[in-house]
Amino acid sequence: MSPTPTSTVDASEPGQLLNDLERRQDDVLAQLDALDAQLTEVLKGLGVTPEDEIDPDLV
């Protein structure tokens, strides 16, 4: 997936560039959430617990 060139954004519209950047940011954050979910499933399959979920009493 290649980023949208800024030359295709109509800069004459007030806030259009900001709106485009926010849309792209939301898209990237959604992709990161999906990758996090996939990684969590893989780790569960391997029997690995992420560090932030380790019970401090066991350490």
C-alpha atoms as a PDB file:
ATOM      1  CA  MET A   1       0.000   0.000   0.000  1.00  0.00           C
ATOM      2  CA  SER A   2       1.560   3.276  -1.043  1.00  0.00           C
ATOM      3  CA  PRO A   3       0.767   6.564   0.643  1.00  0.00           C
ATOM      4  CA  THR A   4      -1.450   9.037  -1.164  1.00  0.00           C
ATOM      5  CA  PRO A   5       0.734  11.711  -2.776  1.00  0.00           C
ATOM      6  CA  THR A   6      -0.011  15.105  -1.290  1.00  0.00           C
ATOM      7  CA  SER A   7      -0.225  16.516  -4.813  1.00  0.00           C
ATOM      8  CA  THR A   8      -3.586  14.747  -5.233  1.00  0.00           C
ATOM      9  CA  VAL A   9      -5.048  16.513  -2.201  1.00  0.00           C
ATOM     10  CA  ASP A  10      -6.916  19.697  -3.091  1.00  0.00           C
ATOM     11  CA  ALA A  11      -5.027  22.190  -0.926  1.00  0.00           C
ATOM     12  CA  SER A  12      -7.541  24.931  -1.730  1.00  0.00           C
ATOM     13  CA  GLU A  13     -10.092  23.291   0.567  1.00  0.00           C
ATOM     14  CA  PRO A  14      -9.554  24.544   4.133  1.00  0.00           C
ATOM     15  CA  GLY A  15      -8.507  21.689   6.374  1.00  0.00           C
ATOM     16  CA  GLN A  16      -8.487  19.138   3.539  1.00  0.00           C
ATOM     17  CA  LEU A  17      -4.871  18.124   4.138  1.00  0.00           C
ATOM     18  CA  LEU A  18      -5.528  17.726   7.852  1.00  0.00           C
ATOM     19  CA  ASN A  19      -8.636  15.641   7.139  1.00  0.00           C
ATOM     20  CA  ASP A  20      -6.623  13.418   4.798  1.00  0.00           C
ATOM     21  CA  LEU A  21      -3.867  12.971   7.379  1.00  0.00           C
ATOM     22  CA  GLU A  22      -6.394  12.118  10.096  1.00  0.00           C
ATOM     23  CA  ARG A  23      -8.074   9.558   7.829  1.00  0.00           C
ATOM     24  CA  ARG A  24      -4.722   7.962   7.047  1.00  0.00           C
ATOM     25  CA  GLN A  25      -3.776   7.961  10.736  1.00  0.00           C
ATOM     26  CA  ASP A  26      -7.051   6.224  11.624  1.00  0.00           C
ATOM     27  CA  ASP A  27      -6.350   3.628   8.922  1.00  0.00           C
ATOM     28  CA  VAL A  28      -2.851   2.946  10.267  1.00  0.00           C
ATOM     29  CA  LEU A  29      -4.119   2.686  13.846  1.00  0.00           C
ATOM     30  CA  ALA A  30      -6.773   0.192  12.749  1.00  0.00           C
ATOM     31  CA  GLN A  31      -4.081  -1.875  11.004  1.00  0.00           C
ATOM     32  CA  LEU A  32      -1.931  -1.791  14.157  1.00  0.00           C
ATOM     33  CA  ASP A  33      -4.878  -2.978  16.245  1.00  0.00           C
ATOM     34  CA  ALA A  34      -5.421  -5.857  13.814  1.00  0.00           C
ATOM     35  CA  LEU A  35      -1.728  -6.800  13.959  1.00  0.00           C
ATOM     36  CA  ASP A  36      -1.803  -6.659  17.760  1.00  0.00           C
ATOM     37  CA  ALA A  37      -4.773  -9.018  17.813  1.00  0.00           C
ATOM     38  CA  GLN A  38      -2.999 -11.421  15.448  1.00  0.00           C
ATOM     39  CA  LEU A  39       0.173 -11.330  17.536  1.00  0.00           C
ATOM     40  CA  THR A  40      -1.788 -11.990  20.710  1.00  0.00           C
ATOM     41  CA  GLU A  41      -3.388 -15.050  19.105  1.00  0.00           C
ATOM     42  CA  VAL A  42       0.012 -16.366  17.967  1.00  0.00           C
ATOM     43  CA  LEU A  43       1.473 -15.852  21.436  1.00  0.00           C
ATOM     44  CA  LYS A  44      -1.490 -17.628  23.030  1.00  0.00           C
ATOM     45  CA  GLY A  45      -0.943 -20.533  20.645  1.00  0.00           C
ATOM     46  CA  LEU A  46       2.673 -20.715  21.768  1.00  0.00           C
ATOM     47  CA  GLY A  47       1.706 -20.492  25.433  1.00  0.00           C
ATOM     48  CA  VAL A  48       3.490 -17.168  25.890  1.00  0.00           C
ATOM     49  CA  THR A  49       2.119 -14.485  28.206  1.00  0.00           C
ATOM     50  CA  PRO A  50       2.879 -10.862  27.326  1.00  0.00           C
ATOM     51  CA  GLU A  51       4.956  -9.142  30.043  1.00  0.00           C
ATOM     52  CA  ASP A  52       2.249  -6.654  31.006  1.00  0.00           C
ATOM     53  CA  GLU A  53      -0.041  -9.567  31.908  1.00  0.00           C
ATOM     54  CA  ILE A  54       2.431 -11.422  34.151  1.00  0.00           C
ATOM     55  CA  ASP A  55       1.280 -11.837  37.711  1.00  0.00           C
ATOM     56  CA  PRO A  56       3.788  -9.850  39.865  1.00  0.00           C
ATOM     57  CA  ASP A  57       3.498 -12.485  42.627  1.00  0.00           C
ATOM     58  CA  LEU A  58       5.032 -15.080  40.310  1.00  0.00           C
ATOM     59  CA  VAL A  59       8.126 -13.012  39.504  1.00  0.00           C
END
